[in-house]
């Protein structure tokens, strides 16, 4: 288990294959509750290649010195990511 936000990852291997490959992350908040935006790819065994880039926002709570995932939101497409960005920009400009 991770004890700092920098140690948190969504990398996941199975049978010697990186099934989820983290490409980057942005720590959005730190503390007892930490929020991280991950950029990653999934392995498609059928095609034997990685997916296009995907994104996930995850919340972690620190308990007994270790972080535990409490929630996640996967951004399902580039269009959804753009809509999220546009909405936030609009609200921030108000």
PDB file of N, CA and C in Angstrom:
ATOM      1  N   UNK A   1       0.831  -1.189   0.000  1.00  0.00           N
ATOM      2  CA  UNK A   1       0.000   0.000   0.000  1.00  0.00           C
ATOM      3  C   UNK A   1       0.873   1.249   0.000  1.00  0.00           C
ATOM      4  N   UNK A   2       0.335   2.314  -0.535  1.00  0.00           N
ATOM      5  CA  UNK A   2       1.066   3.564  -0.643  1.00  0.00           C
ATOM      6  C   UNK A   2       0.893   4.408   0.618  1.00  0.00           C
ATOM      7  N   UNK A   3       1.962   5.079   1.011  1.00  0.00           N
ATOM      8  CA  UNK A   3       1.886   5.952   2.178  1.00  0.00           C
ATOM      9  C   UNK A   3       2.002   7.426   1.798  1.00  0.00           C
ATOM     10  N   UNK A   4       2.305   7.714   0.506  1.00  0.00           N
ATOM     11  CA  UNK A   4       2.339   9.093   0.008  1.00  0.00           C
ATOM     12  C   UNK A   4       1.595   9.145  -1.325  1.00  0.00           C
ATOM     13  N   UNK A   5       1.056  10.321  -1.706  1.00  0.00           N
ATOM     14  CA  UNK A   5       0.367  10.427  -3.000  1.00  0.00           C
ATOM     15  C   UNK A   5       1.256  10.059  -4.191  1.00  0.00           C
ATOM     16  N   UNK A   6       2.548  10.359  -4.095  1.00  0.00           N
ATOM     17  CA  UNK A   6       3.455  10.049  -5.205  1.00  0.00           C
ATOM     18  C   UNK A   6       3.597   8.545  -5.442  1.00  0.00           C
ATOM     19  N   UNK A   7       3.339   7.744  -4.424  1.00  0.00           N
ATOM     20  CA  UNK A   7       3.434   6.290  -4.553  1.00  0.00           C
ATOM     21  C   UNK A   7       2.177   5.666  -5.154  1.00  0.00           C
ATOM     22  N   UNK A   8       1.070   6.401  -5.178  1.00  0.00           N
ATOM     23  CA  UNK A   8      -0.185   5.868  -5.710  1.00  0.00           C
ATOM     24  C   UNK A   8      -0.086   5.692  -7.222  1.00  0.00           C
ATOM     25  N   UNK A   9      -0.584   4.560  -7.716  1.00  0.00           N
ATOM     26  CA  UNK A   9      -0.519   4.253  -9.141  1.00  0.00           C
ATOM     27  C   UNK A   9      -1.718   3.402  -9.529  1.00  0.00           C
ATOM     28  N   UNK A  10      -2.020   3.394 -10.817  1.00  0.00           N
ATOM     29  CA  UNK A  10      -3.059   2.478 -11.307  1.00  0.00           C
ATOM     30  C   UNK A  10      -2.440   1.385 -12.175  1.00  0.00           C
ATOM     31  N   UNK A  11      -1.110   1.323 -12.215  1.00  0.00           N
ATOM     32  CA  UNK A  11      -0.453   0.237 -12.936  1.00  0.00           C
ATOM     33  C   UNK A  11      -0.960  -1.098 -12.398  1.00  0.00           C
ATOM     34  N   UNK A  12      -1.223  -2.021 -13.330  1.00  0.00           N
ATOM     35  CA  UNK A  12      -1.688  -3.348 -12.931  1.00  0.00           C
ATOM     36  C   UNK A  12      -1.171  -4.368 -13.933  1.00  0.00           C
ATOM     37  N   UNK A  13      -0.488  -5.393 -13.421  1.00  0.00           N
ATOM     38  CA  UNK A  13       0.056  -6.453 -14.276  1.00  0.00           C
ATOM     39  C   UNK A  13      -0.615  -7.771 -13.954  1.00  0.00           C
ATOM     40  N   UNK A  14      -0.762  -8.581 -14.985  1.00  0.00           N
ATOM     41  CA  UNK A  14      -1.374  -9.900 -14.833  1.00  0.00           C
ATOM     42  C   UNK A  14      -0.695 -10.831 -15.828  1.00  0.00           C
ATOM     43  N   UNK A  15      -0.155 -11.925 -15.348  1.00  0.00           N
ATOM     44  CA  UNK A  15       0.499 -12.882 -16.228  1.00  0.00           C
ATOM     45  C   UNK A  15       1.686 -12.305 -16.980  1.00  0.00           C
ATOM     46  N   UNK A  16       2.389 -11.354 -16.348  1.00  0.00           N
ATOM     47  CA  UNK A  16       3.558 -10.750 -16.974  1.00  0.00           C
ATOM     48  C   UNK A  16       3.233  -9.661 -17.984  1.00  0.00           C
ATOM     49  N   UNK A  17       1.966  -9.296 -18.108  1.00  0.00           N
ATOM     50  CA  UNK A  17       1.547  -8.247 -19.043  1.00  0.00           C
ATOM     51  C   UNK A  17       1.005  -7.072 -18.248  1.00  0.00           C
ATOM     52  N   UNK A  18       1.432  -5.863 -18.617  1.00  0.00           N
ATOM     53  CA  UNK A  18       0.884  -4.662 -17.998  1.00  0.00           C
ATOM     54  C   UNK A  18      -0.517  -4.445 -18.562  1.00  0.00           C
ATOM     55  N   UNK A  19      -1.529  -4.856 -17.814  1.00  0.00           N
ATOM     56  CA  UNK A  19      -2.920  -4.776 -18.252  1.00  0.00           C
ATOM     57  C   UNK A  19      -3.411  -3.334 -18.205  1.00  0.00           C
ATOM     58  N   UNK A  20      -2.996  -2.592 -17.179  1.00  0.00           N
ATOM     59  CA  UNK A  20      -3.260  -1.160 -17.083  1.00  0.00           C
ATOM     60  C   UNK A  20      -1.899  -0.483 -16.960  1.00  0.00           C
ATOM     61  N   UNK A  21      -1.613   0.397 -17.912  1.00  0.00           N
ATOM     62  CA  UNK A  21      -0.305   1.056 -17.956  1.00  0.00           C
ATOM     63  C   UNK A  21      -0.498   2.551 -17.710  1.00  0.00           C
ATOM     64  N   UNK A  22      -0.041   3.018 -16.546  1.00  0.00           N
ATOM     65  CA  UNK A  22      -0.130   4.440 -16.216  1.00  0.00           C
ATOM     66  C   UNK A  22       0.877   5.210 -17.069  1.00  0.00           C
ATOM     67  N   UNK A  23       0.407   6.275 -17.728  1.00  0.00           N
ATOM     68  CA  UNK A  23       1.264   7.106 -18.553  1.00  0.00           C
ATOM     69  C   UNK A  23       1.682   8.391 -17.841  1.00  0.00           C
ATOM     70  N   UNK A  24       0.776   8.910 -17.002  1.00  0.00           N
ATOM     71  CA  UNK A  24       1.049  10.156 -16.297  1.00  0.00           C
ATOM     72  C   UNK A  24       0.006  10.321 -15.200  1.00  0.00           C
ATOM     73  N   UNK A  25       0.263  11.242 -14.292  1.00  0.00           N
ATOM     74  CA  UNK A  25      -0.722  11.554 -13.268  1.00  0.00           C
ATOM     75  C   UNK A  25      -0.517  12.980 -12.802  1.00  0.00           C
ATOM     76  N   UNK A  26      -1.618  13.574 -12.324  1.00  0.00           N
ATOM     77  CA  UNK A  26      -1.581  14.913 -11.746  1.00  0.00           C
ATOM     78  C   UNK A  26      -2.252  14.819 -10.382  1.00  0.00           C
ATOM     79  N   UNK A  27      -1.507  15.159  -9.349  1.00  0.00           N
ATOM     80  CA  UNK A  27      -2.065  15.151  -8.002  1.00  0.00           C
ATOM     81  C   UNK A  27      -2.825  16.466  -7.845  1.00  0.00           C
ATOM     82  N   UNK A  28      -4.154  16.378  -7.718  1.00  0.00           N
ATOM     83  CA  UNK A  28      -5.008  17.559  -7.646  1.00  0.00           C
ATOM     84  C   UNK A  28      -5.162  18.082  -6.223  1.00  0.00           C
ATOM     85  N   UNK A  29      -5.096  17.191  -5.245  1.00  0.00           N
ATOM     86  CA  UNK A  29      -5.130  17.608  -3.838  1.00  0.00           C
ATOM     87  C   UNK A  29      -4.408  16.564  -3.001  1.00  0.00           C
ATOM     88  N   UNK A  30      -3.808  17.035  -1.910  1.00  0.00           N
ATOM     89  CA  UNK A  30      -3.085  16.155  -0.995  1.00  0.00           C
ATOM     90  C   UNK A  30      -3.654  16.320   0.397  1.00  0.00           C
ATOM     91  N   UNK A  31      -3.418  15.342   1.233  1.00  0.00           N
ATOM     92  CA  UNK A  31      -3.875  15.405   2.612  1.00  0.00           C
ATOM     93  C   UNK A  31      -4.537  14.101   2.995  1.00  0.00           C
ATOM     94  N   UNK A  32      -5.411  14.165   4.012  1.00  0.00           N
ATOM     95  CA  UNK A  32      -6.124  12.967   4.439  1.00  0.00           C
ATOM     96  C   UNK A  32      -6.971  12.412   3.300  1.00  0.00           C
ATOM     97  N   UNK A  33      -7.497  13.309   2.471  1.00  0.00           N
ATOM     98  CA  UNK A  33      -8.201  12.929   1.239  1.00  0.00           C
ATOM     99  C   UNK A  33      -7.379  13.459   0.071  1.00  0.00           C
ATOM    100  N   UNK A  34      -6.992  12.575  -0.821  1.00  0.00           N
ATOM    101  CA  UNK A  34      -6.160  12.929  -1.972  1.00  0.00           C
ATOM    102  C   UNK A  34      -6.920  12.622  -3.254  1.00  0.00           C
ATOM    103  N   UNK A  35      -6.813  13.540  -4.216  1.00  0.00           N
ATOM    104  CA  UNK A  35      -7.461  13.372  -5.516  1.00  0.00           C
ATOM    105  C   UNK A  35      -6.388  13.369  -6.586  1.00  0.00           C
ATOM    106  N   UNK A  36      -6.443  12.371  -7.483  1.00  0.00           N
ATOM    107  CA  UNK A  36      -5.441  12.240  -8.540  1.00  0.00           C
ATOM    108  C   UNK A  36      -6.136  11.994  -9.872  1.00  0.00           C
ATOM    109  N   UNK A  37      -5.660  12.689 -10.902  1.00  0.00           N
ATOM    110  CA  UNK A  37      -6.096  12.465 -12.276  1.00  0.00           C
ATOM    111  C   UNK A  37      -5.026  11.614 -12.946  1.00  0.00           C
ATOM    112  N   UNK A  38      -5.417  10.445 -13.448  1.00  0.00           N
ATOM    113  CA  UNK A  38      -4.484   9.533 -14.113  1.00  0.00           C
ATOM    114  C   UNK A  38      -4.730   9.519 -15.626  1.00  0.00           C
ATOM    115  N   UNK A  39      -3.667   9.413 -16.375  1.00  0.00           N
ATOM    116  CA  UNK A  39      -3.716   9.139 -17.816  1.00  0.00           C
ATOM    117  C   UNK A  39      -3.135   7.740 -17.987  1.00  0.00           C
ATOM    118  N   UNK A  40      -3.878   6.871 -18.685  1.00  0.00           N
ATOM    119  CA  UNK A  40      -3.446   5.471 -18.758  1.00  0.00           C
ATOM    120  C   UNK A  40      -3.922   4.824 -20.057  1.00  0.00           C
ATOM    121  N   UNK A  41      -3.465   3.586 -20.260  1.00  0.00           N
ATOM    122  CA  UNK A  41      -3.912   2.752 -21.381  1.00  0.00           C
ATOM    123  C   UNK A  41      -4.229   1.359 -20.851  1.00  0.00           C
ATOM    124  N   UNK A  42      -5.237   0.733 -21.459  1.00  0.00           N
ATOM    125  CA  UNK A  42      -5.592  -0.652 -21.147  1.00  0.00           C
ATOM    126  C   UNK A  42      -5.041  -1.564 -22.229  1.00  0.00           C
ATOM    127  N   UNK A  43      -4.632  -2.755 -21.841  1.00  0.00           N
ATOM    128  CA  UNK A  43      -4.175  -3.765 -22.791  1.00  0.00           C
ATOM    129  C   UNK A  43      -5.385  -4.487 -23.375  1.00  0.00           C
ATOM    130  N   UNK A  44      -5.439  -4.548 -24.693  1.00  0.00           N
ATOM    131  CA  UNK A  44      -6.497  -5.289 -25.387  1.00  0.00           C
ATOM    132  C   UNK A  44      -5.882  -6.598 -25.878  1.00  0.00           C
ATOM    133  N   UNK A  45      -6.152  -7.696 -25.162  1.00  0.00           N
ATOM    134  CA  UNK A  45      -5.545  -8.991 -25.489  1.00  0.00           C
ATOM    135  C   UNK A  45      -5.987  -9.488 -26.864  1.00  0.00           C
ATOM    136  N   UNK A  46      -7.204  -9.160 -27.246  1.00  0.00           N
ATOM    137  CA  UNK A  46      -7.724  -9.617 -28.536  1.00  0.00           C
ATOM    138  C   UNK A  46      -6.930  -8.990 -29.696  1.00  0.00           C
ATOM    139  N   UNK A  47      -6.656  -7.697 -29.569  1.00  0.00           N
ATOM    140  CA  UNK A  47      -5.906  -6.990 -30.618  1.00  0.00           C
ATOM    141  C   UNK A  47      -4.400  -7.028 -30.376  1.00  0.00           C
ATOM    142  N   UNK A  48      -4.013  -7.432 -29.175  1.00  0.00           N
ATOM    143  CA  UNK A  48      -2.609  -7.437 -28.754  1.00  0.00           C
ATOM    144  C   UNK A  48      -1.970  -6.064 -28.906  1.00  0.00           C
ATOM    145  N   UNK A  49      -2.690  -5.048 -28.391  1.00  0.00           N
ATOM    146  CA  UNK A  49      -2.173  -3.683 -28.392  1.00  0.00           C
ATOM    147  C   UNK A  49      -2.867  -2.884 -27.287  1.00  0.00           C
ATOM    148  N   UNK A  50      -2.274  -1.746 -26.978  1.00  0.00           N
ATOM    149  CA  UNK A  50      -2.855  -0.887 -25.949  1.00  0.00           C
ATOM    150  C   UNK A  50      -3.936   0.008 -26.552  1.00  0.00           C
ATOM    151  N   UNK A  51      -4.894   0.364 -25.700  1.00  0.00           N
ATOM    152  CA  UNK A  51      -5.978   1.257 -26.100  1.00  0.00           C
ATOM    153  C   UNK A  51      -5.435   2.668 -26.318  1.00  0.00           C
ATOM    154  N   UNK A  52      -6.303   3.525 -26.826  1.00  0.00           N
ATOM    155  CA  UNK A  52      -5.979   4.947 -26.862  1.00  0.00           C
ATOM    156  C   UNK A  52      -5.907   5.420 -25.419  1.00  0.00           C
ATOM    157  N   UNK A  53      -5.372   6.615 -25.222  1.00  0.00           N
ATOM    158  CA  UNK A  53      -5.256   7.153 -23.870  1.00  0.00           C
ATOM    159  C   UNK A  53      -6.629   7.269 -23.222  1.00  0.00           C
ATOM    160  N   UNK A  54      -6.661   6.952 -21.947  1.00  0.00           N
ATOM    161  CA  UNK A  54      -7.871   7.057 -21.133  1.00  0.00           C
ATOM    162  C   UNK A  54      -7.529   7.865 -19.891  1.00  0.00           C
ATOM    163  N   UNK A  55      -8.573   8.297 -19.176  1.00  0.00           N
ATOM    164  CA  UNK A  55      -8.366   9.168 -18.023  1.00  0.00           C
ATOM    165  C   UNK A  55      -9.260   8.725 -16.876  1.00  0.00           C
ATOM    166  N   UNK A  56      -8.761   8.874 -15.658  1.00  0.00           N
ATOM    167  CA  UNK A  56      -9.529   8.478 -14.487  1.00  0.00           C
ATOM    168  C   UNK A  56      -9.209   9.430 -13.342  1.00  0.00           C
ATOM    169  N   UNK A  57     -10.258   9.884 -12.654  1.00  0.00           N
ATOM    170  CA  UNK A  57     -10.103  10.699 -11.450  1.00  0.00           C
ATOM    171  C   UNK A  57     -10.387   9.775 -10.276  1.00  0.00           C
ATOM    172  N   UNK A  58      -9.453   9.727  -9.336  1.00  0.00           N
ATOM    173  CA  UNK A  58      -9.599   8.819  -8.200  1.00  0.00           C
ATOM    174  C   UNK A  58      -9.379   9.561  -6.882  1.00  0.00           C
ATOM    175  N   UNK A  59     -10.192   9.174  -5.888  1.00  0.00           N
ATOM    176  CA  UNK A  59     -10.105   9.753  -4.548  1.00  0.00           C
ATOM    177  C   UNK A  59      -9.606   8.680  -3.585  1.00  0.00           C
ATOM    178  N   UNK A  60      -8.673   9.082  -2.748  1.00  0.00           N
ATOM    179  CA  UNK A  60      -8.078   8.180  -1.768  1.00  0.00           C
ATOM    180  C   UNK A  60      -8.194   8.801  -0.386  1.00  0.00           C
ATOM    181  N   UNK A  61      -8.401   7.949   0.612  1.00  0.00           N
ATOM    182  CA  UNK A  61      -8.416   8.387   2.003  1.00  0.00           C
ATOM    183  C   UNK A  61      -7.240   7.738   2.714  1.00  0.00           C
ATOM    184  N   UNK A  62      -6.534   8.550   3.486  1.00  0.00           N
ATOM    185  CA  UNK A  62      -5.406   8.016   4.247  1.00  0.00           C
ATOM    186  C   UNK A  62      -5.892   7.570   5.614  1.00  0.00           C
ATOM    187  N   UNK A  63      -5.703   6.291   5.894  1.00  0.00           N
ATOM    188  CA  UNK A  63      -6.088   5.703   7.179  1.00  0.00           C
ATOM    189  C   UNK A  63      -4.947   4.823   7.657  1.00  0.00           C
ATOM    190  N   UNK A  64      -4.603   4.975   8.902  1.00  0.00           N
ATOM    191  CA  UNK A  64      -3.511   4.186   9.494  1.00  0.00           C
ATOM    192  C   UNK A  64      -2.232   4.286   8.679  1.00  0.00           C
ATOM    193  N   UNK A  65      -1.970   5.482   8.134  1.00  0.00           N
ATOM    194  CA  UNK A  65      -0.726   5.734   7.413  1.00  0.00           C
ATOM    195  C   UNK A  65      -0.690   5.258   5.977  1.00  0.00           C
ATOM    196  N   UNK A  66      -1.794   4.675   5.472  1.00  0.00           N
ATOM    197  CA  UNK A  66      -1.810   4.183   4.089  1.00  0.00           C
ATOM    198  C   UNK A  66      -3.052   4.682   3.368  1.00  0.00           C
ATOM    199  N   UNK A  67      -2.907   4.911   2.065  1.00  0.00           N
ATOM    200  CA  UNK A  67      -4.023   5.383   1.251  1.00  0.00           C
ATOM    201  C   UNK A  67      -4.873   4.215   0.755  1.00  0.00           C
ATOM    202  N   UNK A  68      -6.193   4.409   0.815  1.00  0.00           N
ATOM    203  CA  UNK A  68      -7.147   3.432   0.296  1.00  0.00           C
ATOM    204  C   UNK A  68      -8.050   4.143  -0.698  1.00  0.00           C
ATOM    205  N   UNK A  69      -8.246   3.531  -1.876  1.00  0.00           N
ATOM    206  CA  UNK A  69      -9.129   4.137  -2.867  1.00  0.00           C
ATOM    207  C   UNK A  69     -10.558   4.106  -2.357  1.00  0.00           C
ATOM    208  N   UNK A  70     -11.254   5.242  -2.482  1.00  0.00           N
ATOM    209  CA  UNK A  70     -12.638   5.344  -2.016  1.00  0.00           C
ATOM    210  C   UNK A  70     -13.616   5.548  -3.170  1.00  0.00           C
ATOM    211  N   UNK A  71     -13.171   6.188  -4.249  1.00  0.00           N
ATOM    212  CA  UNK A  71     -14.066   6.388  -5.397  1.00  0.00           C
ATOM    213  C   UNK A  71     -13.241   6.649  -6.648  1.00  0.00           C
ATOM    214  N   UNK A  72     -13.910   6.478  -7.798  1.00  0.00           N
ATOM    215  CA  UNK A  72     -13.247   6.764  -9.063  1.00  0.00           C
ATOM    216  C   UNK A  72     -14.294   7.155 -10.094  1.00  0.00           C
ATOM    217  N   UNK A  73     -13.831   7.940 -11.059  1.00  0.00           N
ATOM    218  CA  UNK A  73     -14.656   8.325 -12.194  1.00  0.00           C
ATOM    219  C   UNK A  73     -13.787   8.176 -13.429  1.00  0.00           C
ATOM    220  N   UNK A  74     -14.185   7.295 -14.336  1.00  0.00           N
ATOM    221  CA  UNK A  74     -13.453   7.112 -15.579  1.00  0.00           C
ATOM    222  C   UNK A  74     -14.072   7.988 -16.659  1.00  0.00           C
ATOM    223  N   UNK A  75     -13.259   8.779 -17.309  1.00  0.00           N
ATOM    224  CA  UNK A  75     -13.713   9.611 -18.419  1.00  0.00           C
ATOM    225  C   UNK A  75     -13.737   8.696 -19.630  1.00  0.00           C
ATOM    226  N   UNK A  76     -14.925   8.536 -20.209  1.00  0.00           N
ATOM    227  CA  UNK A  76     -15.159   7.462 -21.165  1.00  0.00           C
ATOM    228  C   UNK A  76     -14.701   7.740 -22.592  1.00  0.00           C
ATOM    229  N   UNK A  77     -14.429   9.005 -22.934  1.00  0.00           N
ATOM    230  CA  UNK A  77     -14.047   9.302 -24.314  1.00  0.00           C
ATOM    231  C   UNK A  77     -13.375  10.671 -24.377  1.00  0.00           C
ATOM    232  N   UNK A  78     -12.659  10.935 -25.474  1.00  0.00           N
ATOM    233  CA  UNK A  78     -12.095  12.282 -25.660  1.00  0.00           C
ATOM    234  C   UNK A  78     -13.187  13.356 -25.680  1.00  0.00           C
ATOM    235  N   UNK A  79     -14.354  13.034 -26.263  1.00  0.00           N
ATOM    236  CA  UNK A  79     -15.453  13.998 -26.289  1.00  0.00           C
ATOM    237  C   UNK A  79     -15.916  14.346 -24.886  1.00  0.00           C
ATOM    238  N   UNK A  80     -16.041  13.345 -24.022  1.00  0.00           N
ATOM    239  CA  UNK A  80     -16.457  13.607 -22.650  1.00  0.00           C
ATOM    240  C   UNK A  80     -15.408  14.459 -21.931  1.00  0.00           C
ATOM    241  N   UNK A  81     -14.129  14.199 -22.175  1.00  0.00           N
ATOM    242  CA  UNK A  81     -13.059  14.990 -21.567  1.00  0.00           C
ATOM    243  C   UNK A  81     -13.157  16.447 -22.018  1.00  0.00           C
ATOM    244  N   UNK A  82     -13.395  16.658 -23.299  1.00  0.00           N
ATOM    245  CA  UNK A  82     -13.527  18.025 -23.818  1.00  0.00           C
ATOM    246  C   UNK A  82     -14.741  18.736 -23.218  1.00  0.00           C
ATOM    247  N   UNK A  83     -15.860  18.017 -23.075  1.00  0.00           N
ATOM    248  CA  UNK A  83     -17.055  18.604 -22.471  1.00  0.00           C
ATOM    249  C   UNK A  83     -16.800  18.992 -21.017  1.00  0.00           C
ATOM    250  N   UNK A  84     -16.075  18.160 -20.310  1.00  0.00           N
ATOM    251  CA  UNK A  84     -15.721  18.445 -18.928  1.00  0.00           C
ATOM    252  C   UNK A  84     -14.866  19.718 -18.858  1.00  0.00           C
ATOM    253  N   UNK A  85     -13.875  19.813 -19.725  1.00  0.00           N
ATOM    254  CA  UNK A  85     -12.998  20.986 -19.763  1.00  0.00           C
ATOM    255  C   UNK A  85     -13.794  22.239 -20.113  1.00  0.00           C
ATOM    256  N   UNK A  86     -14.646  22.152 -21.138  1.00  0.00           N
ATOM    257  CA  UNK A  86     -15.446  23.303 -21.558  1.00  0.00           C
ATOM    258  C   UNK A  86     -16.369  23.771 -20.437  1.00  0.00           C
ATOM    259  N   UNK A  87     -17.025  22.849 -19.760  1.00  0.00           N
ATOM    260  CA  UNK A  87     -17.933  23.219 -18.670  1.00  0.00           C
ATOM    261  C   UNK A  87     -17.178  23.891 -17.529  1.00  0.00           C
ATOM    262  N   UNK A  88     -16.051  23.327 -17.146  1.00  0.00           N
ATOM    263  CA  UNK A  88     -15.265  23.928 -16.068  1.00  0.00           C
ATOM    264  C   UNK A  88     -14.766  25.314 -16.454  1.00  0.00           C
ATOM    265  N   UNK A  89     -14.268  25.459 -17.675  1.00  0.00           N
ATOM    266  CA  UNK A  89     -13.805  26.777 -18.127  1.00  0.00           C
ATOM    267  C   UNK A  89     -14.937  27.800 -18.107  1.00  0.00           C
ATOM    268  N   UNK A  90     -16.105  27.399 -18.555  1.00  0.00           N
ATOM    269  CA  UNK A  90     -17.276  28.293 -18.553  1.00  0.00           C
ATOM    270  C   UNK A  90     -17.617  28.728 -17.134  1.00  0.00           C
ATOM    271  N   UNK A  91     -17.682  27.775 -16.218  1.00  0.00           N
ATOM    272  CA  UNK A  91     -18.029  28.101 -14.836  1.00  0.00           C
ATOM    273  C   UNK A  91     -16.974  28.956 -14.169  1.00  0.00           C
ATOM    274  N   UNK A  92     -15.698  28.706 -14.481  1.00  0.00           N
ATOM    275  CA  UNK A  92     -14.621  29.477 -13.863  1.00  0.00           C
ATOM    276  C   UNK A  92     -14.590  30.901 -14.383  1.00  0.00           C
ATOM    277  N   UNK A  93     -15.084  31.118 -15.602  1.00  0.00           N
ATOM    278  CA  UNK A  93     -15.099  32.461 -16.192  1.00  0.00           C
ATOM    279  C   UNK A  93     -16.289  33.294 -15.721  1.00  0.00           C
ATOM    280  N   UNK A  94     -17.269  32.653 -15.063  1.00  0.00           N
ATOM    281  CA  UNK A  94     -18.464  33.393 -14.607  1.00  0.00           C
ATOM    282  C   UNK A  94     -18.132  34.308 -13.446  1.00  0.00           C
TER     283      UNK A  94
END
